[in-house]
């Protein structure tokens, strides 16, 4: 079960890496390194903690994208003079 969850999380993070705003950050390589460093985990609670960290990274990346879109929309419309 945790293997399927890890694979789904990895795929989600790789999809998010395509739109990452900073090309010098090398998001794809960092995600790959994160998963490779944790592949030796065998205890269930360690695996769960690593998956929770991955979920947190996914949510923070989505929040960053939402903020980027919001800032773009805010720049597109002039501020109210009132």
PDB file of N, CA and C in Angstrom:
ATOM      1  N   UNK A   1       0.828  -1.195   0.000  1.00  0.00           N
ATOM      2  CA  UNK A   1       0.000   0.000   0.000  1.00  0.00           C
ATOM      3  C   UNK A   1       0.866   1.250   0.000  1.00  0.00           C
ATOM      4  N   UNK A   2       1.903   1.284   0.848  1.00  0.00           N
ATOM      5  CA  UNK A   2       2.739   2.473   0.901  1.00  0.00           C
ATOM      6  C   UNK A   2       3.572   2.613  -0.366  1.00  0.00           C
ATOM      7  N   UNK A   3       3.872   1.503  -1.030  1.00  0.00           N
ATOM      8  CA  UNK A   3       4.615   1.570  -2.293  1.00  0.00           C
ATOM      9  C   UNK A   3       3.800   2.292  -3.356  1.00  0.00           C
ATOM     10  N   UNK A   4       2.522   1.957  -3.460  1.00  0.00           N
ATOM     11  CA  UNK A   4       1.657   2.626  -4.429  1.00  0.00           C
ATOM     12  C   UNK A   4       1.486   4.096  -4.092  1.00  0.00           C
ATOM     13  N   UNK A   5       1.373   4.391  -2.819  1.00  0.00           N
ATOM     14  CA  UNK A   5       1.250   5.789  -2.385  1.00  0.00           C
ATOM     15  C   UNK A   5       2.520   6.565  -2.707  1.00  0.00           C
ATOM     16  N   UNK A   6       3.677   5.942  -2.528  1.00  0.00           N
ATOM     17  CA  UNK A   6       4.957   6.590  -2.828  1.00  0.00           C
ATOM     18  C   UNK A   6       5.089   6.830  -4.329  1.00  0.00           C
ATOM     19  N   UNK A   7       4.701   5.861  -5.139  1.00  0.00           N
ATOM     20  CA  UNK A   7       4.776   6.045  -6.584  1.00  0.00           C
ATOM     21  C   UNK A   7       3.838   7.147  -7.059  1.00  0.00           C
ATOM     22  N   UNK A   8       2.637   7.184  -6.512  1.00  0.00           N
ATOM     23  CA  UNK A   8       1.685   8.232  -6.888  1.00  0.00           C
ATOM     24  C   UNK A   8       2.207   9.606  -6.474  1.00  0.00           C
ATOM     25  N   UNK A   9       2.790   9.696  -5.296  1.00  0.00           N
ATOM     26  CA  UNK A   9       3.357  10.958  -4.828  1.00  0.00           C
ATOM     27  C   UNK A   9       4.512  11.386  -5.719  1.00  0.00           C
ATOM     28  N   UNK A  10       5.370  10.451  -6.097  1.00  0.00           N
ATOM     29  CA  UNK A  10       6.504  10.751  -6.964  1.00  0.00           C
ATOM     30  C   UNK A  10       6.020  11.284  -8.315  1.00  0.00           C
ATOM     31  N   UNK A  11       5.009  10.644  -8.883  1.00  0.00           N
ATOM     32  CA  UNK A  11       4.464  11.104 -10.158  1.00  0.00           C
ATOM     33  C   UNK A  11       3.846  12.489 -10.036  1.00  0.00           C
ATOM     34  N   UNK A  12       3.131  12.744  -8.948  1.00  0.00           N
ATOM     35  CA  UNK A  12       2.548  14.069  -8.731  1.00  0.00           C
ATOM     36  C   UNK A  12       3.627  15.137  -8.634  1.00  0.00           C
ATOM     37  N   UNK A  13       4.682  14.832  -7.893  1.00  0.00           N
ATOM     38  CA  UNK A  13       5.751  15.813  -7.735  1.00  0.00           C
ATOM     39  C   UNK A  13       6.485  16.054  -9.052  1.00  0.00           C
ATOM     40  N   UNK A  14       6.646  15.020  -9.855  1.00  0.00           N
ATOM     41  CA  UNK A  14       7.287  15.216 -11.153  1.00  0.00           C
ATOM     42  C   UNK A  14       6.420  16.048 -12.090  1.00  0.00           C
ATOM     43  N   UNK A  15       5.116  15.859 -12.020  1.00  0.00           N
ATOM     44  CA  UNK A  15       4.216  16.697 -12.827  1.00  0.00           C
ATOM     45  C   UNK A  15       4.293  18.151 -12.386  1.00  0.00           C
ATOM     46  N   UNK A  16       4.386  18.366 -11.091  1.00  0.00           N
ATOM     47  CA  UNK A  16       4.508  19.733 -10.584  1.00  0.00           C
ATOM     48  C   UNK A  16       5.848  20.360 -10.955  1.00  0.00           C
ATOM     49  N   UNK A  17       6.876  19.535 -11.128  1.00  0.00           N
ATOM     50  CA  UNK A  17       8.209  20.045 -11.438  1.00  0.00           C
ATOM     51  C   UNK A  17       8.245  20.713 -12.803  1.00  0.00           C
ATOM     52  N   UNK A  18       7.357  20.323 -13.707  1.00  0.00           N
ATOM     53  CA  UNK A  18       7.362  20.914 -15.043  1.00  0.00           C
ATOM     54  C   UNK A  18       7.067  22.406 -15.015  1.00  0.00           C
ATOM     55  N   UNK A  19       6.252  22.845 -14.073  1.00  0.00           N
ATOM     56  CA  UNK A  19       5.831  24.245 -14.020  1.00  0.00           C
ATOM     57  C   UNK A  19       6.535  25.052 -12.945  1.00  0.00           C
ATOM     58  N   UNK A  20       7.589  24.509 -12.359  1.00  0.00           N
ATOM     59  CA  UNK A  20       8.248  25.217 -11.268  1.00  0.00           C
ATOM     60  C   UNK A  20       8.850  26.520 -11.792  1.00  0.00           C
ATOM     61  N   UNK A  21       8.614  27.645 -11.110  1.00  0.00           N
ATOM     62  CA  UNK A  21       8.994  28.946 -11.660  1.00  0.00           C
ATOM     63  C   UNK A  21      10.500  29.211 -11.747  1.00  0.00           C
ATOM     64  N   UNK A  22      11.307  28.614 -10.915  1.00  0.00           N
ATOM     65  CA  UNK A  22      12.743  28.885 -10.919  1.00  0.00           C
ATOM     66  C   UNK A  22      13.482  27.742 -11.613  1.00  0.00           C
ATOM     67  N   UNK A  23      13.983  27.962 -12.849  1.00  0.00           N
ATOM     68  CA  UNK A  23      14.643  26.869 -13.563  1.00  0.00           C
ATOM     69  C   UNK A  23      15.984  26.463 -12.946  1.00  0.00           C
ATOM     70  N   UNK A  24      16.585  27.333 -12.148  1.00  0.00           N
ATOM     71  CA  UNK A  24      17.878  27.023 -11.545  1.00  0.00           C
ATOM     72  C   UNK A  24      17.757  26.180 -10.279  1.00  0.00           C
ATOM     73  N   UNK A  25      16.546  26.016  -9.773  1.00  0.00           N
ATOM     74  CA  UNK A  25      16.329  25.256  -8.537  1.00  0.00           C
ATOM     75  C   UNK A  25      16.511  23.758  -8.753  1.00  0.00           C
ATOM     76  N   UNK A  26      16.291  23.290  -9.975  1.00  0.00           N
ATOM     77  CA  UNK A  26      16.438  21.870 -10.330  1.00  0.00           C
ATOM     78  C   UNK A  26      15.530  20.986  -9.462  1.00  0.00           C
ATOM     79  N   UNK A  27      14.260  21.298  -9.511  1.00  0.00           N
ATOM     80  CA  UNK A  27      13.230  20.631  -8.717  1.00  0.00           C
ATOM     81  C   UNK A  27      13.206  19.129  -8.978  1.00  0.00           C
ATOM     82  N   UNK A  28      13.307  18.740 -10.239  1.00  0.00           N
ATOM     83  CA  UNK A  28      13.235  17.317 -10.601  1.00  0.00           C
ATOM     84  C   UNK A  28      14.353  16.515  -9.932  1.00  0.00           C
ATOM     85  N   UNK A  29      15.567  17.028  -9.975  1.00  0.00           N
ATOM     86  CA  UNK A  29      16.697  16.313  -9.373  1.00  0.00           C
ATOM     87  C   UNK A  29      16.562  16.244  -7.856  1.00  0.00           C
ATOM     88  N   UNK A  30      16.045  17.291  -7.253  1.00  0.00           N
ATOM     89  CA  UNK A  30      15.870  17.281  -5.797  1.00  0.00           C
ATOM     90  C   UNK A  30      14.829  16.257  -5.360  1.00  0.00           C
ATOM     91  N   UNK A  31      13.748  16.157  -6.125  1.00  0.00           N
ATOM     92  CA  UNK A  31      12.710  15.175  -5.809  1.00  0.00           C
ATOM     93  C   UNK A  31      13.274  13.761  -5.968  1.00  0.00           C
ATOM     94  N   UNK A  32      13.991  13.535  -7.049  1.00  0.00           N
ATOM     95  CA  UNK A  32      14.584  12.212  -7.277  1.00  0.00           C
ATOM     96  C   UNK A  32      15.549  11.849  -6.150  1.00  0.00           C
ATOM     97  N   UNK A  33      16.393  12.794  -5.754  1.00  0.00           N
ATOM     98  CA  UNK A  33      17.362  12.550  -4.675  1.00  0.00           C
ATOM     99  C   UNK A  33      16.640  12.260  -3.354  1.00  0.00           C
ATOM    100  N   UNK A  34      15.556  12.985  -3.093  1.00  0.00           N
ATOM    101  CA  UNK A  34      14.782  12.769  -1.873  1.00  0.00           C
ATOM    102  C   UNK A  34      14.232  11.344  -1.818  1.00  0.00           C
ATOM    103  N   UNK A  35      13.694  10.867  -2.924  1.00  0.00           N
ATOM    104  CA  UNK A  35      13.151   9.511  -2.954  1.00  0.00           C
ATOM    105  C   UNK A  35      14.256   8.465  -2.914  1.00  0.00           C
ATOM    106  N   UNK A  36      15.368   8.726  -3.586  1.00  0.00           N
ATOM    107  CA  UNK A  36      16.466   7.760  -3.559  1.00  0.00           C
ATOM    108  C   UNK A  36      17.080   7.639  -2.170  1.00  0.00           C
ATOM    109  N   UNK A  37      17.159   8.749  -1.447  1.00  0.00           N
ATOM    110  CA  UNK A  37      17.716   8.703  -0.095  1.00  0.00           C
ATOM    111  C   UNK A  37      16.815   7.960   0.881  1.00  0.00           C
ATOM    112  N   UNK A  38      15.531   7.869   0.582  1.00  0.00           N
ATOM    113  CA  UNK A  38      14.591   7.221   1.491  1.00  0.00           C
ATOM    114  C   UNK A  38      14.168   5.825   1.037  1.00  0.00           C
ATOM    115  N   UNK A  39      14.757   5.290  -0.010  1.00  0.00           N
ATOM    116  CA  UNK A  39      14.319   3.987  -0.498  1.00  0.00           C
ATOM    117  C   UNK A  39      14.742   2.837   0.410  1.00  0.00           C
ATOM    118  N   UNK A  40      15.677   3.065   1.292  1.00  0.00           N
ATOM    119  CA  UNK A  40      16.142   2.004   2.191  1.00  0.00           C
ATOM    120  C   UNK A  40      15.269   1.861   3.435  1.00  0.00           C
ATOM    121  N   UNK A  41      14.296   2.738   3.614  1.00  0.00           N
ATOM    122  CA  UNK A  41      13.462   2.702   4.812  1.00  0.00           C
ATOM    123  C   UNK A  41      12.629   1.423   4.852  1.00  0.00           C
ATOM    124  N   UNK A  42      12.582   0.801   6.027  1.00  0.00           N
ATOM    125  CA  UNK A  42      11.807  -0.425   6.168  1.00  0.00           C
ATOM    126  C   UNK A  42      10.747  -0.311   7.261  1.00  0.00           C
ATOM    127  N   UNK A  43      11.010   0.499   8.284  1.00  0.00           N
ATOM    128  CA  UNK A  43      10.023   0.651   9.362  1.00  0.00           C
ATOM    129  C   UNK A  43       8.832   1.443   8.846  1.00  0.00           C
ATOM    130  N   UNK A  44       7.649   0.989   9.212  1.00  0.00           N
ATOM    131  CA  UNK A  44       6.415   1.591   8.705  1.00  0.00           C
ATOM    132  C   UNK A  44       6.266   3.055   9.128  1.00  0.00           C
ATOM    133  N   UNK A  45       6.653   3.386  10.369  1.00  0.00           N
ATOM    134  CA  UNK A  45       6.509   4.772  10.802  1.00  0.00           C
ATOM    135  C   UNK A  45       7.505   5.697  10.103  1.00  0.00           C
ATOM    136  N   UNK A  46       8.703   5.204   9.766  1.00  0.00           N
ATOM    137  CA  UNK A  46       9.664   6.002   8.998  1.00  0.00           C
ATOM    138  C   UNK A  46       9.153   6.254   7.583  1.00  0.00           C
ATOM    139  N   UNK A  47       8.568   5.233   6.996  1.00  0.00           N
ATOM    140  CA  UNK A  47       7.998   5.381   5.656  1.00  0.00           C
ATOM    141  C   UNK A  47       6.851   6.382   5.678  1.00  0.00           C
ATOM    142  N   UNK A  48       6.022   6.280   6.706  1.00  0.00           N
ATOM    143  CA  UNK A  48       4.884   7.203   6.829  1.00  0.00           C
ATOM    144  C   UNK A  48       5.363   8.642   6.998  1.00  0.00           C
ATOM    145  N   UNK A  49       6.406   8.847   7.806  1.00  0.00           N
ATOM    146  CA  UNK A  49       6.957  10.194   7.986  1.00  0.00           C
ATOM    147  C   UNK A  49       7.517  10.736   6.677  1.00  0.00           C
ATOM    148  N   UNK A  50       8.192   9.906   5.902  1.00  0.00           N
ATOM    149  CA  UNK A  50       8.748  10.341   4.616  1.00  0.00           C
ATOM    150  C   UNK A  50       7.624  10.679   3.634  1.00  0.00           C
ATOM    151  N   UNK A  51       6.568   9.890   3.618  1.00  0.00           N
ATOM    152  CA  UNK A  51       5.436  10.183   2.738  1.00  0.00           C
ATOM    153  C   UNK A  51       4.710  11.448   3.164  1.00  0.00           C
ATOM    154  N   UNK A  52       4.611  11.661   4.470  1.00  0.00           N
ATOM    155  CA  UNK A  52       3.995  12.904   4.951  1.00  0.00           C
ATOM    156  C   UNK A  52       4.823  14.122   4.552  1.00  0.00           C
ATOM    157  N   UNK A  53       6.135  13.996   4.599  1.00  0.00           N
ATOM    158  CA  UNK A  53       7.000  15.085   4.149  1.00  0.00           C
ATOM    159  C   UNK A  53       6.791  15.344   2.660  1.00  0.00           C
ATOM    160  N   UNK A  54       6.671  14.292   1.873  1.00  0.00           N
ATOM    161  CA  UNK A  54       6.400  14.448   0.449  1.00  0.00           C
ATOM    162  C   UNK A  54       5.064  15.118   0.187  1.00  0.00           C
ATOM    163  N   UNK A  55       4.041  14.755   0.956  1.00  0.00           N
ATOM    164  CA  UNK A  55       2.734  15.419   0.835  1.00  0.00           C
ATOM    165  C   UNK A  55       2.843  16.894   1.180  1.00  0.00           C
ATOM    166  N   UNK A  56       3.620  17.205   2.210  1.00  0.00           N
ATOM    167  CA  UNK A  56       3.819  18.596   2.604  1.00  0.00           C
ATOM    168  C   UNK A  56       4.500  19.381   1.474  1.00  0.00           C
ATOM    169  N   UNK A  57       5.503  18.796   0.858  1.00  0.00           N
ATOM    170  CA  UNK A  57       6.201  19.453  -0.255  1.00  0.00           C
ATOM    171  C   UNK A  57       5.243  19.677  -1.419  1.00  0.00           C
ATOM    172  N   UNK A  58       4.410  18.682  -1.691  1.00  0.00           N
ATOM    173  CA  UNK A  58       3.425  18.821  -2.772  1.00  0.00           C
ATOM    174  C   UNK A  58       2.451  19.959  -2.499  1.00  0.00           C
ATOM    175  N   UNK A  59       1.945  20.023  -1.281  1.00  0.00           N
ATOM    176  CA  UNK A  59       0.994  21.076  -0.925  1.00  0.00           C
ATOM    177  C   UNK A  59       1.645  22.458  -0.970  1.00  0.00           C
ATOM    178  N   UNK A  60       2.872  22.558  -0.500  1.00  0.00           N
ATOM    179  CA  UNK A  60       3.573  23.843  -0.532  1.00  0.00           C
ATOM    180  C   UNK A  60       3.855  24.287  -1.967  1.00  0.00           C
ATOM    181  N   UNK A  61       4.173  23.335  -2.837  1.00  0.00           N
ATOM    182  CA  UNK A  61       4.412  23.669  -4.240  1.00  0.00           C
ATOM    183  C   UNK A  61       3.122  24.140  -4.894  1.00  0.00           C
ATOM    184  N   UNK A  62       2.021  23.483  -4.604  1.00  0.00           N
ATOM    185  CA  UNK A  62       0.731  23.926  -5.135  1.00  0.00           C
ATOM    186  C   UNK A  62       0.375  25.317  -4.619  1.00  0.00           C
ATOM    187  N   UNK A  63       0.674  25.592  -3.364  1.00  0.00           N
ATOM    188  CA  UNK A  63       0.416  26.918  -2.812  1.00  0.00           C
ATOM    189  C   UNK A  63       1.282  27.964  -3.506  1.00  0.00           C
ATOM    190  N   UNK A  64       2.511  27.617  -3.804  1.00  0.00           N
ATOM    191  CA  UNK A  64       3.401  28.534  -4.523  1.00  0.00           C
ATOM    192  C   UNK A  64       2.841  28.843  -5.902  1.00  0.00           C
ATOM    193  N   UNK A  65       2.335  27.835  -6.608  1.00  0.00           N
ATOM    194  CA  UNK A  65       1.748  28.061  -7.926  1.00  0.00           C
ATOM    195  C   UNK A  65       0.506  28.935  -7.829  1.00  0.00           C
ATOM    196  N   UNK A  66      -0.325  28.704  -6.827  1.00  0.00           N
ATOM    197  CA  UNK A  66      -1.527  29.516  -6.654  1.00  0.00           C
ATOM    198  C   UNK A  66      -1.154  30.961  -6.373  1.00  0.00           C
ATOM    199  N   UNK A  67      -0.155  31.164  -5.557  1.00  0.00           N
ATOM    200  CA  UNK A  67       0.298  32.515  -5.251  1.00  0.00           C
ATOM    201  C   UNK A  67       0.851  33.195  -6.499  1.00  0.00           C
ATOM    202  N   UNK A  68       1.589  32.468  -7.307  1.00  0.00           N
ATOM    203  CA  UNK A  68       2.137  33.013  -8.554  1.00  0.00           C
ATOM    204  C   UNK A  68       1.007  33.437  -9.482  1.00  0.00           C
ATOM    205  N   UNK A  69      -0.032  32.608  -9.610  1.00  0.00           N
ATOM    206  CA  UNK A  69      -1.169  32.939 -10.467  1.00  0.00           C
ATOM    207  C   UNK A  69      -1.930  34.147  -9.919  1.00  0.00           C
ATOM    208  N   UNK A  70      -2.105  34.202  -8.613  1.00  0.00           N
ATOM    209  CA  UNK A  70      -2.802  35.321  -7.989  1.00  0.00           C
ATOM    210  C   UNK A  70      -2.046  36.624  -8.229  1.00  0.00           C
ATOM    211  N   UNK A  71      -0.734  36.597  -8.056  1.00  0.00           N
ATOM    212  CA  UNK A  71       0.063  37.811  -8.279  1.00  0.00           C
ATOM    213  C   UNK A  71      -0.008  38.256  -9.727  1.00  0.00           C
ATOM    214  N   UNK A  72      -0.016  37.309 -10.646  1.00  0.00           N
ATOM    215  CA  UNK A  72      -0.123  37.653 -12.056  1.00  0.00           C
ATOM    216  C   UNK A  72      -1.468  38.320 -12.344  1.00  0.00           C
ATOM    217  N   UNK A  73      -2.544  37.738 -11.823  1.00  0.00           N
ATOM    218  CA  UNK A  73      -3.869  38.330 -12.028  1.00  0.00           C
ATOM    219  C   UNK A  73      -3.969  39.712 -11.391  1.00  0.00           C
ATOM    220  N   UNK A  74      -3.362  39.891 -10.246  1.00  0.00           N
ATOM    221  CA  UNK A  74      -3.404  41.188  -9.576  1.00  0.00           C
ATOM    222  C   UNK A  74      -2.681  42.253 -10.403  1.00  0.00           C
ATOM    223  N   UNK A  75      -1.592  41.864 -11.058  1.00  0.00           N
ATOM    224  CA  UNK A  75      -0.874  42.825 -11.907  1.00  0.00           C
ATOM    225  C   UNK A  75      -1.650  43.158 -13.174  1.00  0.00           C
ATOM    226  N   UNK A  76      -2.490  42.250 -13.622  1.00  0.00           N
ATOM    227  CA  UNK A  76      -3.222  42.457 -14.879  1.00  0.00           C
ATOM    228  C   UNK A  76      -4.303  43.520 -14.750  1.00  0.00           C
ATOM    229  N   UNK A  77      -4.860  43.695 -13.570  1.00  0.00           N
ATOM    230  CA  UNK A  77      -5.933  44.641 -13.378  1.00  0.00           C
ATOM    231  C   UNK A  77      -5.437  45.833 -12.575  1.00  0.00           C
ATOM    232  N   UNK A  78      -5.806  47.028 -12.998  1.00  0.00           N
ATOM    233  CA  UNK A  78      -5.345  48.211 -12.240  1.00  0.00           C
ATOM    234  C   UNK A  78      -6.007  48.267 -10.864  1.00  0.00           C
ATOM    235  N   UNK A  79      -5.284  48.839  -9.931  1.00  0.00           N
ATOM    236  CA  UNK A  79      -5.858  48.948  -8.579  1.00  0.00           C
ATOM    237  C   UNK A  79      -6.952  49.997  -8.568  1.00  0.00           C
ATOM    238  N   UNK A  80      -7.868  49.854  -7.667  1.00  0.00           N
ATOM    239  CA  UNK A  80      -9.009  50.752  -7.562  1.00  0.00           C
ATOM    240  C   UNK A  80      -8.556  52.111  -7.032  1.00  0.00           C
ATOM    241  N   UNK A  81      -9.007  53.221  -7.648  1.00  0.00           N
ATOM    242  CA  UNK A  81      -8.583  54.549  -7.152  1.00  0.00           C
ATOM    243  C   UNK A  81      -9.347  54.972  -5.908  1.00  0.00           C
ATOM    244  N   UNK A  82     -10.309  54.209  -5.460  1.00  0.00           N
ATOM    245  CA  UNK A  82     -11.123  54.597  -4.299  1.00  0.00           C
ATOM    246  C   UNK A  82     -10.535  54.116  -3.026  1.00  0.00           C
TER     247      UNK A  82
END
